[in-house]
Each structure stands twice: as structure tokens, then as C-alpha cells.
Amino acid sequence: MPSEPAPAKRSPFDVSDTEIDEALAVCDGDPRETICALLVGQAFLEHEMSKLKADASAGFRRRRKRVED
């Protein structure tokens, strides 16, 4: 009985043609508008990450797990 191959693991950075088509469709097929929307989204995420980093205390960021004996 042949077994089906396991699906290939997908990197979070892999983008399918379908996903590209969906992004273009959202912007009515305009590639410049699609790129603009993606860049705005990236800038928003970078801004949110910088706010989260600033809100975390220095002690929290340096905290390491203790090894229990």
C-alpha cells in the first residue's frame, strides 16, 4: 500500500502564486498600488515592533531562564 508523501515544510517566507494573485486582485491588478500597500504594511509592522520593544523593560528583555537543579 503506497503511502502519500508528507507535505513539504513551508517557510514563512515562501509566497505562492495564488497569494501574489490575491494581493494584486485586492489592488485591482495595479502592481504599483500592490507594492505600495505592501510597503505601508511593512512600515506599520516595523513601527509596532519598535513600540513593543520600547515598552518592554530592560530587565524583561535580558531575563534568562534559571536552570533548576
Protein backbone atom coordinates (compact mmCIF):
# COMPACT_ATOMS: atom_id res chain seq x y z
CA MET A 1 0.00 0.00 0.00
CA PRO A 2 1.78 3.16 -1.17
CA SER A 3 1.93 5.93 1.35
CA GLU A 4 1.39 9.54 0.36
CA PRO A 5 4.44 11.76 0.65
CA ALA A 6 4.40 14.17 3.54
CA PRO A 7 3.69 17.74 2.53
CA ALA A 8 6.85 19.80 2.19
CA LYS A 9 7.51 22.11 5.09
CA ARG A 10 6.84 25.65 4.07
CA SER A 11 8.96 28.54 5.19
CA PRO A 12 7.07 31.61 6.42
CA PHE A 13 8.90 33.44 3.62
CA ASP A 14 7.54 31.22 0.84
CA VAL A 15 4.89 33.01 -1.19
CA SER A 16 2.69 31.14 -3.63
CA ASP A 17 1.47 32.40 -6.99
CA THR A 18 -2.05 32.31 -5.56
CA GLU A 19 -1.07 34.66 -2.74
CA ILE A 20 0.54 37.03 -5.23
CA ASP A 21 -2.58 36.94 -7.39
CA GLU A 22 -4.73 37.69 -4.33
CA ALA A 23 -2.57 40.69 -3.38
CA LEU A 24 -2.82 42.04 -6.93
CA ALA A 25 -6.58 41.45 -7.01
CA VAL A 26 -7.06 43.47 -3.82
CA CYS A 27 -5.40 46.40 -5.60
CA ASP A 28 -7.40 45.90 -8.82
CA GLY A 29 -4.39 44.41 -10.61
CA ASP A 30 -2.25 47.54 -10.26
CA PRO A 31 1.31 46.37 -9.44
CA ARG A 32 2.46 49.79 -8.20
CA GLU A 33 -0.51 50.04 -5.85
CA THR A 34 0.14 46.50 -4.63
CA ILE A 35 3.79 47.29 -3.88
CA CYS A 36 2.76 50.50 -2.12
CA ALA A 37 0.26 48.60 0.04
CA LEU A 38 2.88 46.00 0.96
CA LEU A 39 5.44 48.68 1.86
CA VAL A 40 2.91 50.54 4.01
CA GLY A 41 2.05 47.27 5.76
CA GLN A 42 5.73 46.54 6.38
CA ALA A 43 6.32 50.03 7.79
CA PHE A 44 3.31 49.62 10.09
CA LEU A 45 4.62 46.30 11.41
CA GLU A 46 8.11 47.74 11.97
CA HIS A 47 6.58 50.67 13.88
CA GLU A 48 4.50 48.33 16.05
CA MET A 49 7.57 46.19 16.81
CA SER A 50 9.60 49.23 17.83
CA LYS A 51 6.80 50.32 20.19
CA LEU A 52 6.65 46.85 21.74
CA LYS A 53 10.43 46.78 22.22
CA ALA A 54 10.35 50.23 23.84
CA ASP A 55 7.52 49.20 26.19
CA ALA A 56 9.36 46.09 27.43
CA SER A 57 11.60 46.80 30.38
CA ALA A 58 15.33 46.25 30.03
CA GLY A 59 15.21 43.59 32.76
CA PHE A 60 12.47 41.70 30.99
CA ARG A 61 14.39 41.72 27.71
CA ARG A 62 17.55 40.39 29.39
CA ARG A 63 15.80 37.80 31.54
CA ARG A 64 17.12 34.30 31.18
CA LYS A 65 15.64 31.06 32.41
CA ARG A 66 17.27 29.67 35.50
CA VAL A 67 18.47 26.11 35.41
CA GLU A 68 16.79 24.24 38.23
CA ASP A 69 18.87 21.52 39.93
